[in-house]
Amino acid sequence: LRYRETDSHIYQITCSGIKNEFPE
């Protein structure tokens, strides 16, 4: 977080798919 006196940590974890993939 910018410009805030905070120690918050945010983690975006994306996992997809279990049996699927994006076209290459």
mmCIF file of all heavy atoms, coordinates in Angstrom:
data_MODEL
# 
_entry.id   MODEL 
# 
loop_
_atom_site.group_PDB 
_atom_site.id 
_atom_site.type_symbol 
_atom_site.label_atom_id 
_atom_site.label_alt_id 
_atom_site.label_comp_id 
_atom_site.label_asym_id 
_atom_site.label_entity_id 
_atom_site.label_seq_id 
_atom_site.pdbx_PDB_ins_code 
_atom_site.Cartn_x 
_atom_site.Cartn_y 
_atom_site.Cartn_z 
_atom_site.occupancy 
_atom_site.B_iso_or_equiv 
_atom_site.pdbx_formal_charge 
_atom_site.auth_seq_id 
_atom_site.auth_comp_id 
_atom_site.auth_asym_id 
_atom_site.auth_atom_id 
_atom_site.pdbx_PDB_model_num 
ATOM 1   N N   . LEU A 1 1  ? 0.849   -1.188  0.000   1.00 0.00 ? 1  LEU A N   1 
ATOM 2   C CA  . LEU A 1 1  ? 0.000   0.000   0.000   1.00 0.00 ? 1  LEU A CA  1 
ATOM 3   C C   . LEU A 1 1  ? 0.886   1.239   0.000   1.00 0.00 ? 1  LEU A C   1 
ATOM 4   O O   . LEU A 1 1  ? 1.777   1.387   0.842   1.00 0.00 ? 1  LEU A O   1 
ATOM 5   C CB  . LEU A 1 1  ? -0.906  0.016   1.238   1.00 0.00 ? 1  LEU A CB  1 
ATOM 6   C CG  . LEU A 1 1  ? -1.778  -1.222  1.457   1.00 0.00 ? 1  LEU A CG  1 
ATOM 7   C CD1 . LEU A 1 1  ? -2.583  -1.073  2.751   1.00 0.00 ? 1  LEU A CD1 1 
ATOM 8   C CD2 . LEU A 1 1  ? -2.726  -1.410  0.298   1.00 0.00 ? 1  LEU A CD2 1 
ATOM 9   N N   . ARG A 1 2  ? 0.653   2.114   -0.942  1.00 0.00 ? 2  ARG A N   1 
ATOM 10  C CA  . ARG A 1 2  ? 1.399   3.369   -0.986  1.00 0.00 ? 2  ARG A CA  1 
ATOM 11  C C   . ARG A 1 2  ? 0.796   4.369   -0.008  1.00 0.00 ? 2  ARG A C   1 
ATOM 12  O O   . ARG A 1 2  ? -0.418  4.382   0.217   1.00 0.00 ? 2  ARG A O   1 
ATOM 13  C CB  . ARG A 1 2  ? 1.342   3.993   -2.389  1.00 0.00 ? 2  ARG A CB  1 
ATOM 14  C CG  . ARG A 1 2  ? 1.932   3.155   -3.520  1.00 0.00 ? 2  ARG A CG  1 
ATOM 15  C CD  . ARG A 1 2  ? 1.732   3.915   -4.810  1.00 0.00 ? 2  ARG A CD  1 
ATOM 16  N NE  . ARG A 1 2  ? 2.070   3.147   -5.993  1.00 0.00 ? 2  ARG A NE  1 
ATOM 17  C CZ  . ARG A 1 2  ? 3.219   3.231   -6.642  1.00 0.00 ? 2  ARG A CZ  1 
ATOM 18  N NH1 . ARG A 1 2  ? 4.154   4.033   -6.190  1.00 0.00 ? 2  ARG A NH1 1 
ATOM 19  N NH2 . ARG A 1 2  ? 3.436   2.514   -7.723  1.00 0.00 ? 2  ARG A NH2 1 
ATOM 20  N N   . TYR A 1 3  ? 1.645   5.237   0.523   1.00 0.00 ? 3  TYR A N   1 
ATOM 21  C CA  . TYR A 1 3  ? 1.211   6.426   1.265   1.00 0.00 ? 3  TYR A CA  1 
ATOM 22  C C   . TYR A 1 3  ? 0.403   6.095   2.513   1.00 0.00 ? 3  TYR A C   1 
ATOM 23  O O   . TYR A 1 3  ? -0.413  6.898   2.950   1.00 0.00 ? 3  TYR A O   1 
ATOM 24  C CB  . TYR A 1 3  ? 0.382   7.364   0.362   1.00 0.00 ? 3  TYR A CB  1 
ATOM 25  C CG  . TYR A 1 3  ? 0.925   7.503   -1.031  1.00 0.00 ? 3  TYR A CG  1 
ATOM 26  C CD1 . TYR A 1 3  ? 0.104   7.314   -2.136  1.00 0.00 ? 3  TYR A CD1 1 
ATOM 27  C CD2 . TYR A 1 3  ? 2.276   7.816   -1.241  1.00 0.00 ? 3  TYR A CD2 1 
ATOM 28  C CE1 . TYR A 1 3  ? 0.605   7.433   -3.422  1.00 0.00 ? 3  TYR A CE1 1 
ATOM 29  C CE2 . TYR A 1 3  ? 2.775   7.936   -2.522  1.00 0.00 ? 3  TYR A CE2 1 
ATOM 30  C CZ  . TYR A 1 3  ? 1.945   7.743   -3.604  1.00 0.00 ? 3  TYR A CZ  1 
ATOM 31  O OH  . TYR A 1 3  ? 2.442   7.855   -4.874  1.00 0.00 ? 3  TYR A OH  1 
ATOM 32  N N   . ARG A 1 4  ? 0.591   4.921   3.087   1.00 0.00 ? 4  ARG A N   1 
ATOM 33  C CA  . ARG A 1 4  ? -0.136  4.574   4.305   1.00 0.00 ? 4  ARG A CA  1 
ATOM 34  C C   . ARG A 1 4  ? 0.844   4.031   5.341   1.00 0.00 ? 4  ARG A C   1 
ATOM 35  O O   . ARG A 1 4  ? 1.730   3.253   5.015   1.00 0.00 ? 4  ARG A O   1 
ATOM 36  C CB  . ARG A 1 4  ? -1.215  3.512   4.030   1.00 0.00 ? 4  ARG A CB  1 
ATOM 37  C CG  . ARG A 1 4  ? -2.361  3.993   3.153   1.00 0.00 ? 4  ARG A CG  1 
ATOM 38  C CD  . ARG A 1 4  ? -3.098  5.162   3.799   1.00 0.00 ? 4  ARG A CD  1 
ATOM 39  N NE  . ARG A 1 4  ? -3.646  4.819   5.101   1.00 0.00 ? 4  ARG A NE  1 
ATOM 40  C CZ  . ARG A 1 4  ? -4.891  4.364   5.283   1.00 0.00 ? 4  ARG A CZ  1 
ATOM 41  N NH1 . ARG A 1 4  ? -5.687  4.188   4.245   1.00 0.00 ? 4  ARG A NH1 1 
ATOM 42  N NH2 . ARG A 1 4  ? -5.330  4.096   6.484   1.00 0.00 ? 4  ARG A NH2 1 
ATOM 43  N N   . GLU A 1 5  ? 0.654   4.460   6.592   1.00 0.00 ? 5  GLU A N   1 
ATOM 44  C CA  . GLU A 1 5  ? 1.484   3.941   7.676   1.00 0.00 ? 5  GLU A CA  1 
ATOM 45  C C   . GLU A 1 5  ? 0.862   2.639   8.156   1.00 0.00 ? 5  GLU A C   1 
ATOM 46  O O   . GLU A 1 5  ? 0.151   2.582   9.152   1.00 0.00 ? 5  GLU A O   1 
ATOM 47  C CB  . GLU A 1 5  ? 1.584   4.959   8.805   1.00 0.00 ? 5  GLU A CB  1 
ATOM 48  C CG  . GLU A 1 5  ? 2.340   6.215   8.411   1.00 0.00 ? 5  GLU A CG  1 
ATOM 49  C CD  . GLU A 1 5  ? 2.577   7.131   9.599   1.00 0.00 ? 5  GLU A CD  1 
ATOM 50  O OE1 . GLU A 1 5  ? 2.424   6.663   10.744  1.00 0.00 ? 5  GLU A OE1 1 
ATOM 51  O OE2 . GLU A 1 5  ? 2.907   8.292   9.390   1.00 0.00 ? 5  GLU A OE2 1 
ATOM 52  N N   . THR A 1 6  ? 1.131   1.589   7.438   1.00 0.00 ? 6  THR A N   1 
ATOM 53  C CA  . THR A 1 6  ? 0.563   0.286   7.753   1.00 0.00 ? 6  THR A CA  1 
ATOM 54  C C   . THR A 1 6  ? 1.557   -0.793  7.365   1.00 0.00 ? 6  THR A C   1 
ATOM 55  O O   . THR A 1 6  ? 2.361   -0.609  6.460   1.00 0.00 ? 6  THR A O   1 
ATOM 56  C CB  . THR A 1 6  ? -0.766  0.058   7.012   1.00 0.00 ? 6  THR A CB  1 
ATOM 57  O OG1 . THR A 1 6  ? -1.220  -1.271  7.268   1.00 0.00 ? 6  THR A OG1 1 
ATOM 58  C CG2 . THR A 1 6  ? -0.607  0.231   5.521   1.00 0.00 ? 6  THR A CG2 1 
ATOM 59  N N   . ASP A 1 7  ? 1.510   -1.893  8.081   1.00 0.00 ? 7  ASP A N   1 
ATOM 60  C CA  . ASP A 1 7  ? 2.368   -3.029  7.772   1.00 0.00 ? 7  ASP A CA  1 
ATOM 61  C C   . ASP A 1 7  ? 1.592   -4.135  7.064   1.00 0.00 ? 7  ASP A C   1 
ATOM 62  O O   . ASP A 1 7  ? 2.007   -5.292  7.071   1.00 0.00 ? 7  ASP A O   1 
ATOM 63  C CB  . ASP A 1 7  ? 2.991   -3.588  9.064   1.00 0.00 ? 7  ASP A CB  1 
ATOM 64  C CG  . ASP A 1 7  ? 4.013   -2.631  9.649   1.00 0.00 ? 7  ASP A CG  1 
ATOM 65  O OD1 . ASP A 1 7  ? 4.700   -1.966  8.855   1.00 0.00 ? 7  ASP A OD1 1 
ATOM 66  O OD2 . ASP A 1 7  ? 4.116   -2.546  10.882  1.00 0.00 ? 7  ASP A OD2 1 
ATOM 67  N N   . SER A 1 8  ? 0.475   -3.783  6.475   1.00 0.00 ? 8  SER A N   1 
ATOM 68  C CA  . SER A 1 8  ? -0.340  -4.788  5.794   1.00 0.00 ? 8  SER A CA  1 
ATOM 69  C C   . SER A 1 8  ? 0.411   -5.364  4.596   1.00 0.00 ? 8  SER A C   1 
ATOM 70  O O   . SER A 1 8  ? 1.090   -4.639  3.860   1.00 0.00 ? 8  SER A O   1 
ATOM 71  C CB  . SER A 1 8  ? -1.659  -4.174  5.327   1.00 0.00 ? 8  SER A CB  1 
ATOM 72  O OG  . SER A 1 8  ? -2.460  -3.838  6.445   1.00 0.00 ? 8  SER A OG  1 
ATOM 73  N N   . HIS A 1 9  ? 0.287   -6.660  4.430   1.00 0.00 ? 9  HIS A N   1 
ATOM 74  C CA  . HIS A 1 9  ? 0.857   -7.354  3.289   1.00 0.00 ? 9  HIS A CA  1 
ATOM 75  C C   . HIS A 1 9  ? -0.280  -8.015  2.525   1.00 0.00 ? 9  HIS A C   1 
ATOM 76  O O   . HIS A 1 9  ? -1.118  -8.697  3.110   1.00 0.00 ? 9  HIS A O   1 
ATOM 77  C CB  . HIS A 1 9  ? 1.849   -8.430  3.734   1.00 0.00 ? 9  HIS A CB  1 
ATOM 78  C CG  . HIS A 1 9  ? 3.023   -7.895  4.489   1.00 0.00 ? 9  HIS A CG  1 
ATOM 79  N ND1 . HIS A 1 9  ? 2.934   -7.427  5.787   1.00 0.00 ? 9  HIS A ND1 1 
ATOM 80  C CD2 . HIS A 1 9  ? 4.326   -7.767  4.120   1.00 0.00 ? 9  HIS A CD2 1 
ATOM 81  C CE1 . HIS A 1 9  ? 4.137   -7.034  6.185   1.00 0.00 ? 9  HIS A CE1 1 
ATOM 82  N NE2 . HIS A 1 9  ? 4.993   -7.233  5.193   1.00 0.00 ? 9  HIS A NE2 1 
ATOM 83  N N   . ILE A 1 10 ? -0.321  -7.821  1.223   1.00 0.00 ? 10 ILE A N   1 
ATOM 84  C CA  . ILE A 1 10 ? -1.350  -8.431  0.375   1.00 0.00 ? 10 ILE A CA  1 
ATOM 85  C C   . ILE A 1 10 ? -0.647  -9.343  -0.626  1.00 0.00 ? 10 ILE A C   1 
ATOM 86  O O   . ILE A 1 10 ? 0.349   -8.951  -1.250  1.00 0.00 ? 10 ILE A O   1 
ATOM 87  C CB  . ILE A 1 10 ? -2.179  -7.359  -0.364  1.00 0.00 ? 10 ILE A CB  1 
ATOM 88  C CG1 . ILE A 1 10 ? -2.821  -6.400  0.632   1.00 0.00 ? 10 ILE A CG1 1 
ATOM 89  C CG2 . ILE A 1 10 ? -3.256  -8.019  -1.231  1.00 0.00 ? 10 ILE A CG2 1 
ATOM 90  C CD1 . ILE A 1 10 ? -3.477  -5.194  -0.001  1.00 0.00 ? 10 ILE A CD1 1 
ATOM 91  N N   . TYR A 1 11 ? -1.174  -10.547 -0.763  1.00 0.00 ? 11 TYR A N   1 
ATOM 92  C CA  . TYR A 1 11 ? -0.596  -11.518 -1.676  1.00 0.00 ? 11 TYR A CA  1 
ATOM 93  C C   . TYR A 1 11 ? -1.693  -12.027 -2.608  1.00 0.00 ? 11 TYR A C   1 
ATOM 94  O O   . TYR A 1 11 ? -2.686  -12.589 -2.149  1.00 0.00 ? 11 TYR A O   1 
ATOM 95  C CB  . TYR A 1 11 ? 0.006   -12.701 -0.911  1.00 0.00 ? 11 TYR A CB  1 
ATOM 96  C CG  . TYR A 1 11 ? 1.021   -12.296 0.138   1.00 0.00 ? 11 TYR A CG  1 
ATOM 97  C CD1 . TYR A 1 11 ? 0.617   -12.034 1.444   1.00 0.00 ? 11 TYR A CD1 1 
ATOM 98  C CD2 . TYR A 1 11 ? 2.365   -12.153 -0.178  1.00 0.00 ? 11 TYR A CD2 1 
ATOM 99  C CE1 . TYR A 1 11 ? 1.530   -11.654 2.409   1.00 0.00 ? 11 TYR A CE1 1 
ATOM 100 C CE2 . TYR A 1 11 ? 3.297   -11.771 0.778   1.00 0.00 ? 11 TYR A CE2 1 
ATOM 101 C CZ  . TYR A 1 11 ? 2.862   -11.519 2.076   1.00 0.00 ? 11 TYR A CZ  1 
ATOM 102 O OH  . TYR A 1 11 ? 3.776   -11.129 3.031   1.00 0.00 ? 11 TYR A OH  1 
ATOM 103 N N   . GLN A 1 12 ? -1.522  -11.782 -3.900  1.00 0.00 ? 12 GLN A N   1 
ATOM 104 C CA  . GLN A 1 12 ? -2.444  -12.323 -4.904  1.00 0.00 ? 12 GLN A CA  1 
ATOM 105 C C   . GLN A 1 12 ? -1.824  -13.602 -5.461  1.00 0.00 ? 12 GLN A C   1 
ATOM 106 O O   . GLN A 1 12 ? -0.794  -13.572 -6.137  1.00 0.00 ? 12 GLN A O   1 
ATOM 107 C CB  . GLN A 1 12 ? -2.684  -11.325 -6.028  1.00 0.00 ? 12 GLN A CB  1 
ATOM 108 C CG  . GLN A 1 12 ? -3.451  -11.886 -7.224  1.00 0.00 ? 12 GLN A CG  1 
ATOM 109 C CD  . GLN A 1 12 ? -4.891  -12.233 -6.898  1.00 0.00 ? 12 GLN A CD  1 
ATOM 110 O OE1 . GLN A 1 12 ? -5.707  -11.358 -6.612  1.00 0.00 ? 12 GLN A OE1 1 
ATOM 111 N NE2 . GLN A 1 12 ? -5.214  -13.517 -6.915  1.00 0.00 ? 12 GLN A NE2 1 
ATOM 112 N N   . ILE A 1 13 ? -2.471  -14.749 -5.155  1.00 0.00 ? 13 ILE A N   1 
ATOM 113 C CA  . ILE A 1 13 ? -1.976  -16.046 -5.598  1.00 0.00 ? 13 ILE A CA  1 
ATOM 114 C C   . ILE A 1 13 ? -3.025  -16.657 -6.514  1.00 0.00 ? 13 ILE A C   1 
ATOM 115 O O   . ILE A 1 13 ? -4.147  -16.941 -6.090  1.00 0.00 ? 13 ILE A O   1 
ATOM 116 C CB  . ILE A 1 13 ? -1.702  -16.977 -4.394  1.00 0.00 ? 13 ILE A CB  1 
ATOM 117 C CG1 . ILE A 1 13 ? -0.715  -16.309 -3.428  1.00 0.00 ? 13 ILE A CG1 1 
ATOM 118 C CG2 . ILE A 1 13 ? -1.192  -18.324 -4.870  1.00 0.00 ? 13 ILE A CG2 1 
ATOM 119 C CD1 . ILE A 1 13 ? -0.529  -17.061 -2.128  1.00 0.00 ? 13 ILE A CD1 1 
ATOM 120 N N   . THR A 1 14 ? -2.677  -16.836 -7.756  1.00 0.00 ? 14 THR A N   1 
ATOM 121 C CA  . THR A 1 14 ? -3.606  -17.359 -8.765  1.00 0.00 ? 14 THR A CA  1 
ATOM 122 C C   . THR A 1 14 ? -3.081  -18.682 -9.295  1.00 0.00 ? 14 THR A C   1 
ATOM 123 O O   . THR A 1 14 ? -1.924  -18.772 -9.708  1.00 0.00 ? 14 THR A O   1 
ATOM 124 C CB  . THR A 1 14 ? -3.768  -16.356 -9.923  1.00 0.00 ? 14 THR A CB  1 
ATOM 125 O OG1 . THR A 1 14 ? -4.227  -15.101 -9.390  1.00 0.00 ? 14 THR A OG1 1 
ATOM 126 C CG2 . THR A 1 14 ? -4.769  -16.865 -10.949 1.00 0.00 ? 14 THR A CG2 1 
ATOM 127 N N   . CYS A 1 15 ? -3.942  -19.689 -9.258  1.00 0.00 ? 15 CYS A N   1 
ATOM 128 C CA  . CYS A 1 15 ? -3.570  -21.001 -9.785  1.00 0.00 ? 15 CYS A CA  1 
ATOM 129 C C   . CYS A 1 15 ? -4.719  -21.539 -10.630 1.00 0.00 ? 15 CYS A C   1 
ATOM 130 O O   . CYS A 1 15 ? -5.820  -21.754 -10.133 1.00 0.00 ? 15 CYS A O   1 
ATOM 131 C CB  . CYS A 1 15 ? -3.255  -21.978 -8.655  1.00 0.00 ? 15 CYS A CB  1 
ATOM 132 S SG  . CYS A 1 15 ? -2.697  -23.585 -9.248  1.00 0.00 ? 15 CYS A SG  1 
ATOM 133 N N   . SER A 1 16 ? -4.455  -21.755 -11.918 1.00 0.00 ? 16 SER A N   1 
ATOM 134 C CA  . SER A 1 16 ? -5.508  -22.204 -12.830 1.00 0.00 ? 16 SER A CA  1 
ATOM 135 C C   . SER A 1 16 ? -4.832  -22.755 -14.084 1.00 0.00 ? 16 SER A C   1 
ATOM 136 O O   . SER A 1 16 ? -3.865  -22.159 -14.579 1.00 0.00 ? 16 SER A O   1 
ATOM 137 C CB  . SER A 1 16 ? -6.404  -21.020 -13.183 1.00 0.00 ? 16 SER A CB  1 
ATOM 138 O OG  . SER A 1 16 ? -7.402  -21.359 -14.095 1.00 0.00 ? 16 SER A OG  1 
ATOM 139 N N   . GLY A 1 17 ? -5.336  -23.884 -14.604 1.00 0.00 ? 17 GLY A N   1 
ATOM 140 C CA  . GLY A 1 17 ? -6.398  -24.658 -14.062 1.00 0.00 ? 17 GLY A CA  1 
ATOM 141 C C   . GLY A 1 17 ? -5.889  -26.034 -13.635 1.00 0.00 ? 17 GLY A C   1 
ATOM 142 O O   . GLY A 1 17 ? -4.798  -26.470 -14.009 1.00 0.00 ? 17 GLY A O   1 
ATOM 143 N N   . ILE A 1 18 ? -6.746  -26.721 -12.902 1.00 0.00 ? 18 ILE A N   1 
ATOM 144 C CA  . ILE A 1 18 ? -6.426  -28.074 -12.464 1.00 0.00 ? 18 ILE A CA  1 
ATOM 145 C C   . ILE A 1 18 ? -6.236  -28.984 -13.681 1.00 0.00 ? 18 ILE A C   1 
ATOM 146 O O   . ILE A 1 18 ? -5.336  -29.815 -13.714 1.00 0.00 ? 18 ILE A O   1 
ATOM 147 C CB  . ILE A 1 18 ? -7.540  -28.602 -11.544 1.00 0.00 ? 18 ILE A CB  1 
ATOM 148 C CG1 . ILE A 1 18 ? -7.559  -27.798 -10.238 1.00 0.00 ? 18 ILE A CG1 1 
ATOM 149 C CG2 . ILE A 1 18 ? -7.356  -30.087 -11.254 1.00 0.00 ? 18 ILE A CG2 1 
ATOM 150 C CD1 . ILE A 1 18 ? -8.687  -28.165 -9.310  1.00 0.00 ? 18 ILE A CD1 1 
ATOM 151 N N   . LYS A 1 19 ? -7.093  -28.803 -14.670 1.00 0.00 ? 19 LYS A N   1 
ATOM 152 C CA  . LYS A 1 19 ? -6.944  -29.538 -15.939 1.00 0.00 ? 19 LYS A CA  1 
ATOM 153 C C   . LYS A 1 19 ? -7.359  -28.607 -17.077 1.00 0.00 ? 19 LYS A C   1 
ATOM 154 O O   . LYS A 1 19 ? -8.393  -28.788 -17.710 1.00 0.00 ? 19 LYS A O   1 
ATOM 155 C CB  . LYS A 1 19 ? -7.790  -30.815 -15.930 1.00 0.00 ? 19 LYS A CB  1 
ATOM 156 C CG  . LYS A 1 19 ? -7.427  -31.821 -17.041 1.00 0.00 ? 19 LYS A CG  1 
ATOM 157 C CD  . LYS A 1 19 ? -8.246  -33.086 -16.937 1.00 0.00 ? 19 LYS A CD  1 
ATOM 158 C CE  . LYS A 1 19 ? -7.781  -34.143 -17.924 1.00 0.00 ? 19 LYS A CE  1 
ATOM 159 N NZ  . LYS A 1 19 ? -7.817  -33.703 -19.324 1.00 0.00 ? 19 LYS A NZ  1 
ATOM 160 N N   . ASN A 1 20 ? -6.552  -27.611 -17.308 1.00 0.00 ? 20 ASN A N   1 
ATOM 161 C CA  . ASN A 1 20 ? -6.815  -26.636 -18.364 1.00 0.00 ? 20 ASN A CA  1 
ATOM 162 C C   . ASN A 1 20 ? -5.595  -25.742 -18.517 1.00 0.00 ? 20 ASN A C   1 
ATOM 163 O O   . ASN A 1 20 ? -4.809  -25.586 -17.577 1.00 0.00 ? 20 ASN A O   1 
ATOM 164 C CB  . ASN A 1 20 ? -8.054  -25.786 -18.047 1.00 0.00 ? 20 ASN A CB  1 
ATOM 165 C CG  . ASN A 1 20 ? -8.868  -25.494 -19.291 1.00 0.00 ? 20 ASN A CG  1 
ATOM 166 O OD1 . ASN A 1 20 ? -8.343  -25.430 -20.390 1.00 0.00 ? 20 ASN A OD1 1 
ATOM 167 N ND2 . ASN A 1 20 ? -10.166 -25.318 -19.118 1.00 0.00 ? 20 ASN A ND2 1 
ATOM 168 N N   . GLU A 1 21 ? -5.444  -25.141 -19.682 1.00 0.00 ? 21 GLU A N   1 
ATOM 169 C CA  . GLU A 1 21 ? -4.332  -24.237 -19.953 1.00 0.00 ? 21 GLU A CA  1 
ATOM 170 C C   . GLU A 1 21 ? -4.786  -23.149 -20.915 1.00 0.00 ? 21 GLU A C   1 
ATOM 171 O O   . GLU A 1 21 ? -5.788  -23.303 -21.616 1.00 0.00 ? 21 GLU A O   1 
ATOM 172 C CB  . GLU A 1 21 ? -3.134  -25.012 -20.540 1.00 0.00 ? 21 GLU A CB  1 
ATOM 173 C CG  . GLU A 1 21 ? -2.522  -26.014 -19.579 1.00 0.00 ? 21 GLU A CG  1 
ATOM 174 C CD  . GLU A 1 21 ? -1.471  -26.898 -20.230 1.00 0.00 ? 21 GLU A CD  1 
ATOM 175 O OE1 . GLU A 1 21 ? -1.320  -26.819 -21.476 1.00 0.00 ? 21 GLU A OE1 1 
ATOM 176 O OE2 . GLU A 1 21 ? -0.812  -27.663 -19.512 1.00 0.00 ? 21 GLU A OE2 1 
ATOM 177 N N   . PHE A 1 22 ? -4.026  -22.050 -20.944 1.00 0.00 ? 22 PHE A N   1 
ATOM 178 C CA  . PHE A 1 22 ? -4.304  -20.927 -21.836 1.00 0.00 ? 22 PHE A CA  1 
ATOM 179 C C   . PHE A 1 22 ? -3.660  -21.211 -23.198 1.00 0.00 ? 22 PHE A C   1 
ATOM 180 O O   . PHE A 1 22 ? -2.589  -21.808 -23.269 1.00 0.00 ? 22 PHE A O   1 
ATOM 181 C CB  . PHE A 1 22 ? -3.725  -19.649 -21.238 1.00 0.00 ? 22 PHE A CB  1 
ATOM 182 C CG  . PHE A 1 22 ? -4.318  -18.383 -21.792 1.00 0.00 ? 22 PHE A CG  1 
ATOM 183 C CD1 . PHE A 1 22 ? -5.406  -17.788 -21.187 1.00 0.00 ? 22 PHE A CD1 1 
ATOM 184 C CD2 . PHE A 1 22 ? -3.774  -17.769 -22.925 1.00 0.00 ? 22 PHE A CD2 1 
ATOM 185 C CE1 . PHE A 1 22 ? -5.946  -16.606 -21.688 1.00 0.00 ? 22 PHE A CE1 1 
ATOM 186 C CE2 . PHE A 1 22 ? -4.303  -16.599 -23.437 1.00 0.00 ? 22 PHE A CE2 1 
ATOM 187 C CZ  . PHE A 1 22 ? -5.400  -16.018 -22.811 1.00 0.00 ? 22 PHE A CZ  1 
ATOM 188 N N   . PRO A 1 23 ? -4.305  -20.797 -24.287 1.00 0.00 ? 23 PRO A N   1 
ATOM 189 C CA  . PRO A 1 23 ? -3.715  -21.045 -25.614 1.00 0.00 ? 23 PRO A CA  1 
ATOM 190 C C   . PRO A 1 23 ? -2.349  -20.380 -25.770 1.00 0.00 ? 23 PRO A C   1 
ATOM 191 O O   . PRO A 1 23 ? -2.151  -19.239 -25.369 1.00 0.00 ? 23 PRO A O   1 
ATOM 192 C CB  . PRO A 1 23 ? -4.745  -20.425 -26.572 1.00 0.00 ? 23 PRO A CB  1 
ATOM 193 C CG  . PRO A 1 23 ? -6.017  -20.361 -25.803 1.00 0.00 ? 23 PRO A CG  1 
ATOM 194 C CD  . PRO A 1 23 ? -5.630  -20.145 -24.379 1.00 0.00 ? 23 PRO A CD  1 
ATOM 195 N N   . GLU A 1 24 ? -1.428  -21.117 -26.313 1.00 0.00 ? 24 GLU A N   1 
ATOM 196 C CA  . GLU A 1 24 ? -0.111  -20.574 -26.663 1.00 0.00 ? 24 GLU A CA  1 
ATOM 197 C C   . GLU A 1 24 ? -0.015  -20.465 -28.187 1.00 0.00 ? 24 GLU A C   1 
ATOM 198 O O   . GLU A 1 24 ? -0.669  -21.216 -28.893 1.00 0.00 ? 24 GLU A O   1 
ATOM 199 C CB  . GLU A 1 24 ? 1.004   -21.492 -26.134 1.00 0.00 ? 24 GLU A CB  1 
ATOM 200 C CG  . GLU A 1 24 ? 1.265   -21.372 -24.645 1.00 0.00 ? 24 GLU A CG  1 
ATOM 201 C CD  . GLU A 1 24 ? 1.969   -20.070 -24.254 1.00 0.00 ? 24 GLU A CD  1 
ATOM 202 O OE1 . GLU A 1 24 ? 2.116   -19.176 -25.120 1.00 0.00 ? 24 GLU A OE1 1 
ATOM 203 O OE2 . GLU A 1 24 ? 2.336   -19.952 -23.075 1.00 0.00 ? 24 GLU A OE2 1 
# 
